[in-house]
Every structure is written in C-alpha cells, then in structure tokens.
C-alpha cells in the first residue's frame, strides 16, 4: 500500500549506456563506443515494463547518441505516454565544453529527439549534473534554444558535480542585470531571462544536504533508509522529490570495464543485482509523474 500522503513526485530516467558514464571517461573514449556491446535498449525496455505494471509515467532524459542508434526506443517511450527530454548528445560534461560546443550540443539533441518522437522537448539534464556557477552561461544557452526547464543542479558537494548552496526544491533561475544567474521570484514586470530549475532532491540533515533520491546512492543505502528519507521530504517538508535512475543500474550482467579505477568500479557496480527489486518497491511506495507535469510548467 502506498503511504505518501498523496504527494506526487517526479521520476526521471537518464538514458545512457554503461560505457558512457563519467566514471569511465578515462578508459571509454567516445571513439570506442560503437564497438562496445549496446545494452541500453533492452534495459530501458525493462524499465518501461516496470513502469507500465505500476501505471507510472516518467521523464526520460535521453542521450542524442543513443537516440540516433535506437530511434524506435525513443518512439516507444513517447508512445507509452512518457516525457522525452534531452541529456545532451555525447555525455560530455558542461565543464569540458566551450560555450559554442554546448550550444551546438543542446540544439542538435533537442531537434533530434523532437524529430524522432514527435514531442516538443522542453527539459534538459546535463551529463553528471555538471552545470555550476562557472558555467551559468549554460542557462542562457538553454533559454535561447527553447528549453523551459533544467534539472542539472545537485545541491551537494561531490568530486564530479554539486552546488550545495542552491535551493533544494524546484524554483525559477533568473538572470540579473549584471548577467549572473540566481534563484528567485521576479515580479511580473521583470522580463529577465528565466528557467525553471528542478534540482535533484537531497535530504537536509544537520547542516548538510545528503543525496537520497537515486543513482548510486539508491544502490548504496539500504532501501528502508531511502524510503524513510523520501517520506520525510513528502510528509515533514511537504515537498515532492525528484528521483533518478539509469537503465544500466538494473543490469548486473553488463560487461565489466577493464582498467577502471577502484573508486569508479565501486561506484558503478555496487548492488546492481538489487536495484530492480528496490525500484519496484519504490514504485509501490510512492506516486510519480513526469517533470513536465510540474504546476510551474502547466
């Protein structure tokens, strides 16, 4: 029985394959991807089946590289009523791109996904949540490209990503007169560029924000701890949470990447055999919908 206080949360799937993750970028160059075993389609289909069994709709942030090779997968996701959103083209972190490269990446991936799916793409999530204060120009480019929301900020401290002082829940990101971006609520006369920022949800505990809503943390923590933290966000803070998962996380049989560092192997392979059953429990314990159903976007 679901016990979520009727709070509807946001479920997101980052559609990329096991060899494309940032943890393996030193041993898995994009030039090698075409020769690797592609498993993203079968794993995403498995997620679609799990969602269908629970009548859950989600947002799928899809890599353009994957969409080009699996266009029928994109069409199936759209046909089943899920939101199609952009994860960029080649899973290159924003911090590793020039502004011009980023502009080309987000525009190409948006057009590609729209052409394949027939859906208007309004959402973007950067690979490895890599929009930071040093790359706030990315917000300008997203606005200019026609995106209406971003889900790239993770309000924690991490070696790959994080902006721990950003607000923990969805709200407007607004560009001020000096060209800087900040969270805020402009008045009706303010015509400054703006974008809805939908950060990955954290649990505020003591003086810190703790990751609680997906990915490697979902595999690391016991499920009961994850459920407790998410229920606390729903019940105590009266806020919906944003949960994320990757298709490769339900695939314990995926090929092992030779040459990866111990830390990267530990992050990537931990508890892969437990993720699918935990995800099924999550879908039973909480209610979910697509990010584009946020009242701020309707």
Protein backbone atom coordinates (compact mmCIF):
# COMPACT_ATOMS: atom_id res chain seq x y z
CA UNK A 1 0.00 0.00 0.00
CA UNK A 2 1.31 3.45 -0.89
CA UNK A 3 1.73 5.74 2.12
CA UNK A 4 2.95 9.01 0.69
CA UNK A 5 0.38 11.48 1.95
CA UNK A 6 -0.97 11.86 -1.63
CA UNK A 7 2.21 13.69 -2.64
CA UNK A 8 3.06 13.18 -6.31
CA UNK A 9 6.79 13.05 -7.01
CA UNK A 10 8.85 13.26 -10.19
CA UNK A 11 10.53 10.23 -11.70
CA UNK A 12 13.37 10.62 -14.19
CA UNK A 13 15.39 8.08 -16.18
CA UNK A 14 18.77 9.10 -17.62
CA UNK A 15 19.02 7.02 -20.80
CA UNK A 16 22.69 6.26 -21.36
CA UNK A 17 24.69 3.03 -21.54
CA UNK A 18 27.17 1.54 -19.09
CA UNK A 19 30.25 2.63 -21.09
CA UNK A 20 29.16 6.28 -21.28
CA UNK A 21 29.26 7.21 -17.60
CA UNK A 22 31.67 9.89 -16.40
CA UNK A 23 33.35 7.43 -14.03
CA UNK A 24 34.70 5.57 -17.08
CA UNK A 25 35.52 8.52 -19.32
CA UNK A 26 39.28 7.93 -18.97
CA UNK A 27 39.00 4.37 -20.35
CA UNK A 28 35.98 4.69 -22.65
CA UNK A 29 36.52 7.39 -25.27
CA UNK A 30 33.52 8.20 -27.49
CA UNK A 31 35.51 6.88 -30.45
CA UNK A 32 35.33 3.39 -28.85
CA UNK A 33 31.58 3.37 -28.14
CA UNK A 34 30.41 1.99 -31.49
CA UNK A 35 32.47 -1.16 -30.94
CA UNK A 36 31.03 -1.87 -27.49
CA UNK A 37 28.01 -4.03 -26.73
CA UNK A 38 24.91 -1.84 -26.70
CA UNK A 39 22.62 -2.78 -23.81
CA UNK A 40 20.68 0.43 -23.23
CA UNK A 41 17.70 -0.59 -25.35
CA UNK A 42 16.96 -3.87 -23.57
CA UNK A 43 17.49 -2.28 -20.16
CA UNK A 44 15.26 0.70 -20.92
CA UNK A 45 12.57 -1.66 -22.21
CA UNK A 46 12.75 -3.45 -18.88
CA UNK A 47 12.20 -0.15 -17.07
CA UNK A 48 9.27 0.63 -19.36
CA UNK A 49 7.71 -2.70 -18.41
CA UNK A 50 8.15 -1.97 -14.70
CA UNK A 51 6.54 1.45 -15.11
CA UNK A 52 3.68 0.04 -17.15
CA UNK A 53 2.97 -2.57 -14.47
CA UNK A 54 2.50 0.24 -11.93
CA UNK A 55 0.82 2.70 -14.35
CA UNK A 56 3.62 5.22 -13.74
CA UNK A 57 4.70 7.93 -16.18
CA UNK A 58 8.23 9.36 -16.07
CA UNK A 59 10.60 11.78 -17.77
CA UNK A 60 13.31 10.16 -19.89
CA UNK A 61 16.44 12.30 -20.37
CA UNK A 62 17.86 10.65 -23.49
CA UNK A 63 21.35 10.98 -24.96
CA UNK A 64 21.31 12.01 -28.61
CA UNK A 65 23.95 9.36 -29.32
CA UNK A 66 21.54 6.70 -28.05
CA UNK A 67 18.57 8.20 -29.89
CA UNK A 68 20.41 8.04 -33.22
CA UNK A 69 21.08 4.32 -32.77
CA UNK A 70 17.80 3.38 -31.11
CA UNK A 71 15.12 5.63 -32.65
CA UNK A 72 12.40 3.02 -32.15
CA UNK A 73 13.18 3.01 -28.42
CA UNK A 74 12.58 6.78 -28.29
CA UNK A 75 9.31 6.28 -30.14
CA UNK A 76 8.21 3.54 -27.73
CA UNK A 77 8.95 5.77 -24.74
CA UNK A 78 6.87 8.57 -26.25
CA UNK A 79 4.06 6.24 -27.34
CA UNK A 80 3.68 4.95 -23.78
CA UNK A 81 2.99 8.47 -22.51
CA UNK A 82 6.35 9.38 -21.02
CA UNK A 83 8.12 12.70 -21.42
CA UNK A 84 11.05 12.93 -23.82
CA UNK A 85 13.79 15.27 -22.56
CA UNK A 86 17.40 15.92 -23.52
CA UNK A 87 20.53 14.59 -21.84
CA UNK A 88 22.72 16.25 -24.45
CA UNK A 89 24.33 14.32 -27.28
CA UNK A 90 27.54 12.60 -26.19
CA UNK A 91 27.56 12.68 -22.37
CA UNK A 92 30.29 15.29 -22.21
CA UNK A 93 30.22 17.35 -19.04
CA UNK A 94 29.39 21.03 -19.47
CA UNK A 95 32.67 21.92 -17.77
CA UNK A 96 34.53 20.14 -20.58
CA UNK A 97 32.79 22.05 -23.38
CA UNK A 98 33.18 25.54 -24.74
CA UNK A 99 30.05 27.66 -24.86
CA UNK A 100 29.89 27.18 -28.62
CA UNK A 101 30.18 23.37 -28.29
CA UNK A 102 27.47 23.35 -25.64
CA UNK A 103 25.18 25.46 -27.84
CA UNK A 104 25.56 23.04 -30.72
CA UNK A 105 25.10 20.00 -28.45
CA UNK A 106 21.83 21.09 -26.82
CA UNK A 107 20.28 22.34 -30.05
CA UNK A 108 21.19 19.26 -32.06
CA UNK A 109 20.00 16.82 -29.39
CA UNK A 110 16.73 18.74 -28.93
CA UNK A 111 15.95 18.73 -32.65
CA UNK A 112 16.94 15.07 -32.98
CA UNK A 113 14.66 13.93 -30.15
CA UNK A 114 11.78 16.05 -31.40
CA UNK A 115 12.09 14.67 -34.93
CA UNK A 116 12.16 11.07 -33.71
CA UNK A 117 9.48 11.31 -31.01
CA UNK A 118 7.10 13.93 -32.36
CA UNK A 119 7.17 15.57 -28.92
CA UNK A 120 8.25 19.09 -28.06
CA UNK A 121 11.35 18.78 -25.86
CA UNK A 122 11.37 21.37 -23.08
CA UNK A 123 13.62 19.73 -20.45
CA UNK A 124 17.37 19.26 -20.18
CA UNK A 125 19.70 17.48 -17.76
CA UNK A 126 23.46 17.90 -18.07
CA UNK A 127 25.68 14.81 -18.00
CA UNK A 128 26.86 14.29 -14.41
CA UNK A 129 24.81 17.30 -13.22
CA UNK A 130 27.65 19.49 -14.44
CA UNK A 131 26.14 22.97 -14.56
CA UNK A 132 27.99 25.01 -11.96
CA UNK A 133 28.50 28.67 -11.11
CA UNK A 134 31.43 28.65 -13.52
CA UNK A 135 29.11 27.58 -16.35
CA UNK A 136 25.96 29.61 -15.66
CA UNK A 137 26.18 30.72 -19.30
CA UNK A 138 24.60 27.32 -19.96
CA UNK A 139 21.30 28.73 -18.66
CA UNK A 140 21.44 31.49 -21.27
CA UNK A 141 22.02 28.92 -23.99
CA UNK A 142 19.20 26.68 -22.76
CA UNK A 143 16.76 29.62 -22.79
CA UNK A 144 17.85 30.67 -26.27
CA UNK A 145 17.47 27.08 -27.53
CA UNK A 146 13.85 26.90 -26.34
CA UNK A 147 14.15 24.78 -23.23
CA UNK A 148 11.78 25.68 -20.40
CA UNK A 149 13.36 23.79 -17.53
CA UNK A 150 16.68 22.37 -16.43
CA UNK A 151 17.39 19.52 -13.99
CA UNK A 152 21.18 19.69 -13.75
CA UNK A 153 21.88 21.05 -10.29
CA UNK A 154 22.61 18.65 -7.44
CA UNK A 155 22.77 20.65 -4.16
CA UNK A 156 25.59 18.61 -2.61
CA UNK A 157 29.38 18.55 -2.59
CA UNK A 158 30.88 15.91 -4.91
CA UNK A 159 34.09 15.43 -6.86
CA UNK A 160 32.25 15.46 -10.21
CA UNK A 161 29.38 17.87 -9.53
CA UNK A 162 27.38 19.78 -6.95
CA UNK A 163 26.23 23.25 -5.95
CA UNK A 164 25.46 22.77 -2.30
CA UNK A 165 24.12 26.28 -1.63
CA UNK A 166 21.46 26.14 -4.37
CA UNK A 167 17.83 25.77 -3.12
CA UNK A 168 16.84 22.13 -2.69
CA UNK A 169 13.48 22.28 -4.44
CA UNK A 170 12.21 23.46 -7.81
CA UNK A 171 12.12 27.19 -8.46
CA UNK A 172 12.99 29.81 -11.02
CA UNK A 173 16.54 30.59 -12.02
CA UNK A 174 16.65 34.24 -13.12
CA UNK A 175 19.36 36.27 -14.83
CA UNK A 176 20.04 39.56 -13.08
CA UNK A 177 21.08 42.82 -14.73
CA UNK A 178 24.78 42.03 -14.25
CA UNK A 179 24.38 38.83 -16.28
CA UNK A 180 24.59 36.46 -13.29
CA UNK A 181 22.03 33.75 -12.61
CA UNK A 182 20.39 33.18 -9.23
CA UNK A 183 17.33 31.57 -7.73
CA UNK A 184 14.50 33.95 -7.09
CA UNK A 185 10.95 35.09 -7.74
CA UNK A 186 10.84 38.06 -10.12
CA UNK A 187 7.88 40.41 -10.13
CA UNK A 188 5.51 40.44 -13.10
CA UNK A 189 7.22 43.42 -14.71
CA UNK A 190 10.65 41.76 -14.70
CA UNK A 191 11.33 40.43 -18.19
CA UNK A 192 14.75 38.98 -17.38
CA UNK A 193 15.54 35.54 -18.87
CA UNK A 194 14.39 32.73 -16.62
CA UNK A 195 14.33 28.97 -16.48
CA UNK A 196 12.68 26.57 -14.07
CA UNK A 197 15.43 24.72 -12.20
CA UNK A 198 14.40 21.27 -10.93
CA UNK A 199 17.32 20.12 -8.77
CA UNK A 200 17.99 16.54 -7.78
CA UNK A 201 16.45 16.11 -4.36
CA UNK A 202 18.56 15.99 -1.22
CA UNK A 203 17.73 15.34 2.43
CA UNK A 204 18.72 18.18 4.75
CA UNK A 205 20.16 16.57 7.87
CA UNK A 206 22.03 18.60 10.47
CA UNK A 207 23.98 21.19 8.50
CA UNK A 208 24.36 19.15 5.34
CA UNK A 209 22.41 18.15 2.28
CA UNK A 210 22.60 14.39 1.78
CA UNK A 211 21.89 12.63 -1.53
CA UNK A 212 18.86 10.42 -1.11
CA UNK A 213 16.95 10.24 -4.39
CA UNK A 214 18.55 7.86 -6.81
CA UNK A 215 21.54 6.58 -8.70
CA UNK A 216 24.48 5.15 -6.80
CA UNK A 217 23.01 6.37 -3.52
CA UNK A 218 19.91 4.25 -4.15
CA UNK A 219 22.19 1.25 -4.57
CA UNK A 220 24.42 2.14 -1.59
CA UNK A 221 21.81 2.84 1.10
CA UNK A 222 19.51 0.13 2.42
CA UNK A 223 16.10 0.61 0.83
CA UNK A 224 14.48 1.29 4.20
CA UNK A 225 16.78 4.29 4.70
CA UNK A 226 15.94 5.67 1.25
CA UNK A 227 12.23 5.25 1.89
CA UNK A 228 12.50 6.94 5.29
CA UNK A 229 14.33 9.93 3.81
CA UNK A 230 11.92 10.35 0.91
CA UNK A 231 8.90 10.04 3.17
CA UNK A 232 10.37 12.70 5.42
CA UNK A 233 10.63 15.06 2.44
CA UNK A 234 6.99 14.37 1.49
CA UNK A 235 5.50 14.42 4.97
CA UNK A 236 7.63 16.82 7.01
CA UNK A 237 8.71 19.29 4.35
CA UNK A 238 5.57 18.82 2.25
CA UNK A 239 7.62 18.79 -0.93
CA UNK A 240 7.75 16.40 -3.90
CA UNK A 241 11.11 14.79 -4.62
CA UNK A 242 12.89 14.17 -7.92
CA UNK A 243 14.18 10.62 -8.28
CA UNK A 244 16.60 9.44 -10.97
CA UNK A 245 17.81 6.09 -12.29
CA UNK A 246 19.92 4.82 -15.21
CA UNK A 247 18.98 1.76 -17.30
CA UNK A 248 22.41 0.17 -16.71
CA UNK A 249 21.69 0.16 -12.97
CA UNK A 250 19.28 -2.76 -13.36
CA UNK A 251 21.76 -4.79 -15.43
CA UNK A 252 24.12 -6.86 -13.23
CA UNK A 253 25.23 -8.86 -16.30
CA UNK A 254 26.70 -5.84 -18.10
CA UNK A 255 30.30 -6.18 -19.38
CA UNK A 256 32.98 -5.09 -16.92
CA UNK A 257 35.14 -2.16 -17.97
CA UNK A 258 38.81 -3.09 -17.88
CA UNK A 259 41.21 -0.54 -16.45
CA UNK A 260 38.74 1.41 -14.34
CA UNK A 261 39.95 2.82 -11.03
CA UNK A 262 38.86 1.09 -7.83
CA UNK A 263 36.72 4.06 -6.77
CA UNK A 264 34.95 4.11 -10.12
CA UNK A 265 34.35 0.35 -10.07
CA UNK A 266 32.95 0.56 -6.56
CA UNK A 267 30.54 3.33 -7.51
CA UNK A 268 29.36 1.70 -10.69
CA UNK A 269 28.99 -1.99 -9.82
CA UNK A 270 27.74 -1.80 -6.23
CA UNK A 271 24.48 -3.69 -5.70
CA UNK A 272 23.47 -3.82 -9.36
CA UNK A 273 21.72 -7.09 -8.55
CA UNK A 274 19.46 -5.35 -6.03
CA UNK A 275 18.39 -2.27 -7.99
CA UNK A 276 15.48 -3.73 -9.93
CA UNK A 277 13.71 -5.12 -6.85
CA UNK A 278 14.33 -1.89 -4.93
CA UNK A 279 12.94 0.13 -7.84
CA UNK A 280 9.78 -1.98 -7.89
CA UNK A 281 9.33 -1.29 -4.16
CA UNK A 282 9.84 2.42 -4.76
CA UNK A 283 7.15 2.47 -7.43
CA UNK A 284 4.78 0.74 -5.00
CA UNK A 285 5.59 3.01 -2.05
CA UNK A 286 5.32 6.41 -3.76
CA UNK A 287 3.37 8.12 -6.52
CA UNK A 288 5.19 9.60 -9.52
CA UNK A 289 4.62 11.61 -12.65
CA UNK A 290 6.61 13.37 -15.39
CA UNK A 291 8.55 16.54 -14.66
CA UNK A 292 6.61 18.41 -17.34
CA UNK A 293 3.53 17.97 -15.13
CA UNK A 294 5.02 20.38 -12.58
CA UNK A 295 2.46 23.15 -11.85
CA UNK A 296 5.17 25.69 -12.69
CA UNK A 297 5.21 24.40 -16.30
CA UNK A 298 1.48 23.93 -16.91
